């Protein structure tokens, strides 16, 4: 993996992970995975700025998917301490919702009450990574369409050589 792809993917993944882990801000992901798409687009924008040629759709999708992978892992890891801090508040809210709705079945109540722990964290990690890769790739494709350079694509069969860092 060259740094031409990795650095933009890290910044895009950082955006995805941090915004997806914050308690109220993470609700933006309810709108078509907004933060994941934005992170993929940011990664493509940064990749395009570092490239002398217009990047291809495949390159944009790859950088967006890498950003989604990094963001999914980072978001799940950052949410662990945030969930620990917000635990008492979340418990009170859950109790309030369950007491206000007496017609909720016992199975549903048990599911809500068991919604924390290592198994829930593992499921969250897998879910974040899968949705991060899928929607990060879509964000990357969207970023290619929005941020294309007015330069020709590289000639077929050429290899981009980046200057040493």
Protein backbone atom coordinates (compact mmCIF):
# COMPACT_ATOMS: atom_id res chain seq x y z
CA UNK A 1 0.00 0.00 0.00
CA UNK A 2 1.57 3.27 -1.03
CA UNK A 3 1.32 6.41 1.04
CA UNK A 4 -0.46 8.13 -1.85
CA UNK A 5 -3.55 6.11 -0.94
CA UNK A 6 -2.96 5.45 2.73
CA UNK A 7 -2.68 9.02 4.00
CA UNK A 8 -5.96 10.22 2.40
CA UNK A 9 -7.67 7.03 3.60
CA UNK A 10 -6.43 7.66 7.14
CA UNK A 11 -7.83 11.19 7.16
CA UNK A 12 -11.13 10.03 5.67
CA UNK A 13 -11.28 7.15 8.17
CA UNK A 14 -10.57 9.54 11.03
CA UNK A 15 -13.52 11.69 9.96
CA UNK A 16 -15.76 8.62 9.71
CA UNK A 17 -14.65 7.11 13.01
CA UNK A 18 -14.84 10.22 15.15
CA UNK A 19 -18.16 11.52 13.83
CA UNK A 20 -19.71 8.04 13.94
CA UNK A 21 -18.70 7.50 17.57
CA UNK A 22 -19.94 10.80 19.02
CA UNK A 23 -23.31 10.31 20.73
CA UNK A 24 -25.53 12.97 19.12
CA UNK A 25 -23.48 13.66 16.00
CA UNK A 26 -23.55 9.98 15.02
CA UNK A 27 -27.25 10.35 14.22
CA UNK A 28 -26.08 11.86 10.91
CA UNK A 29 -25.33 8.31 9.80
CA UNK A 30 -29.08 7.63 9.89
CA UNK A 31 -29.27 9.79 6.77
CA UNK A 32 -27.82 7.39 4.18
CA UNK A 33 -24.61 6.86 6.18
CA UNK A 34 -23.77 10.55 5.84
CA UNK A 35 -20.45 10.52 7.73
CA UNK A 36 -19.24 7.41 5.93
CA UNK A 37 -20.00 8.93 2.53
CA UNK A 38 -18.34 12.20 3.62
CA UNK A 39 -15.21 10.34 4.77
CA UNK A 40 -14.95 8.50 1.45
CA UNK A 41 -15.38 11.77 -0.42
CA UNK A 42 -12.74 13.48 1.74
CA UNK A 43 -10.28 10.66 1.07
CA UNK A 44 -10.83 10.98 -2.68
CA UNK A 45 -10.51 14.76 -2.55
CA UNK A 46 -7.17 14.46 -0.74
CA UNK A 47 -6.00 11.71 -3.12
CA UNK A 48 -6.93 13.84 -6.13
CA UNK A 49 -4.97 16.80 -4.73
CA UNK A 50 -1.83 14.62 -4.50
CA UNK A 51 -2.12 13.20 -8.02
CA UNK A 52 -0.98 14.94 -11.20
CA UNK A 53 -3.62 13.02 -13.16
CA UNK A 54 -7.35 12.68 -12.79
CA UNK A 55 -7.97 9.60 -10.65
CA UNK A 56 -10.11 6.82 -12.00
CA UNK A 57 -13.37 5.56 -10.55
CA UNK A 58 -11.66 2.35 -9.43
CA UNK A 59 -9.00 4.35 -7.57
CA UNK A 60 -11.68 6.51 -5.95
CA UNK A 61 -13.69 3.48 -4.87
CA UNK A 62 -10.56 1.83 -3.45
CA UNK A 63 -9.51 4.90 -1.44
CA UNK A 64 -13.10 5.33 -0.20
CA UNK A 65 -13.29 1.67 0.82
CA UNK A 66 -9.98 1.96 2.71
CA UNK A 67 -11.32 5.04 4.50
CA UNK A 68 -14.51 3.13 5.36
CA UNK A 69 -12.51 0.19 6.71
CA UNK A 70 -10.35 2.44 8.89
CA UNK A 71 -13.37 4.49 9.98
CA UNK A 72 -15.42 1.41 10.85
CA UNK A 73 -12.71 0.01 13.10
CA UNK A 74 -11.93 3.39 14.65
CA UNK A 75 -15.62 4.19 15.23
CA UNK A 76 -16.23 0.89 17.01
CA UNK A 77 -13.14 1.32 19.18
CA UNK A 78 -13.93 4.94 20.06
CA UNK A 79 -17.51 4.07 20.96
CA UNK A 80 -16.37 1.72 23.76
CA UNK A 81 -15.22 4.45 26.20
CA UNK A 82 -18.05 6.73 25.09
CA UNK A 83 -20.60 3.97 25.80
CA UNK A 84 -19.01 3.41 29.22
CA UNK A 85 -19.33 7.11 30.04
CA UNK A 86 -22.87 7.36 28.71
CA UNK A 87 -23.98 4.04 30.28
CA UNK A 88 -25.90 5.41 33.28
CA UNK A 89 -27.71 7.96 31.14
CA UNK A 90 -28.57 5.34 28.51
CA UNK A 91 -29.82 2.97 31.23
CA UNK A 92 -32.18 5.67 32.61
CA UNK A 93 -33.45 6.44 29.13
CA UNK A 94 -34.07 2.75 28.44
CA UNK A 95 -35.93 2.34 31.73
CA UNK A 96 -38.03 5.40 30.93
CA UNK A 97 -38.93 4.11 27.45
CA UNK A 98 -39.77 0.64 28.77
CA UNK A 99 -41.90 2.01 31.61
CA UNK A 100 -43.75 4.36 29.26
CA UNK A 101 -44.61 1.47 26.93
CA UNK A 102 -46.09 -1.39 28.98
CA UNK A 103 -47.25 -3.22 25.84
CA UNK A 104 -43.66 -4.11 24.81
CA UNK A 105 -43.24 -7.89 24.87
CA UNK A 106 -40.94 -9.60 27.37
CA UNK A 107 -38.64 -10.82 24.57
CA UNK A 108 -38.19 -7.27 23.29
CA UNK A 109 -37.50 -6.01 26.80
CA UNK A 110 -34.83 -8.70 27.28
CA UNK A 111 -33.25 -7.80 23.95
CA UNK A 112 -33.00 -4.13 24.94
CA UNK A 113 -31.63 -4.96 28.37
CA UNK A 114 -28.96 -7.32 27.00
CA UNK A 115 -27.87 -4.83 24.30
CA UNK A 116 -24.47 -4.18 25.87
CA UNK A 117 -21.36 -6.23 26.48
CA UNK A 118 -18.61 -7.89 24.45
CA UNK A 119 -20.99 -9.60 22.01
CA UNK A 120 -22.72 -6.31 21.20
CA UNK A 121 -19.32 -4.65 20.71
CA UNK A 122 -18.20 -7.41 18.33
CA UNK A 123 -21.44 -7.13 16.35
CA UNK A 124 -21.02 -3.34 16.22
CA UNK A 125 -17.45 -3.75 14.92
CA UNK A 126 -18.50 -6.13 12.13
CA UNK A 127 -21.47 -3.94 11.21
CA UNK A 128 -19.33 -0.76 11.18
CA UNK A 129 -16.66 -2.35 9.00
CA UNK A 130 -19.13 -3.78 6.47
CA UNK A 131 -21.16 -0.58 6.15
CA UNK A 132 -17.97 1.49 6.21
CA UNK A 133 -16.46 -0.41 3.29
CA UNK A 134 -19.65 -0.37 1.23
CA UNK A 135 -20.66 3.24 1.79
CA UNK A 136 -17.07 4.49 1.89
CA UNK A 137 -16.62 3.04 -1.61
CA UNK A 138 -19.81 4.77 -2.73
CA UNK A 139 -18.55 8.02 -1.20
CA UNK A 140 -15.30 7.51 -3.09
CA UNK A 141 -17.18 7.14 -6.38
CA UNK A 142 -19.20 10.24 -5.58
CA UNK A 143 -15.99 12.08 -4.74
CA UNK A 144 -14.47 11.14 -8.11
CA UNK A 145 -17.49 12.63 -9.86
CA UNK A 146 -17.47 15.81 -7.77
CA UNK A 147 -13.75 16.52 -7.45
CA UNK A 148 -12.37 15.53 -10.85
CA UNK A 149 -9.39 17.47 -12.10
CA UNK A 150 -9.27 19.15 -15.46
CA UNK A 151 -6.32 16.95 -16.36
CA UNK A 152 -6.34 13.89 -18.58
CA UNK A 153 -6.42 10.47 -17.00
CA UNK A 154 -3.08 8.66 -17.02
CA UNK A 155 -2.32 6.81 -20.25
CA UNK A 156 -3.31 3.16 -20.25
CA UNK A 157 -0.63 0.82 -18.96
CA UNK A 158 1.37 3.47 -17.10
CA UNK A 159 2.40 3.35 -13.49
CA UNK A 160 2.20 6.50 -11.40
CA UNK A 161 5.54 7.23 -9.76
CA UNK A 162 5.29 9.50 -6.76
CA UNK A 163 8.25 11.55 -5.60
CA UNK A 164 9.98 10.24 -2.47
CA UNK A 165 8.78 11.70 0.78
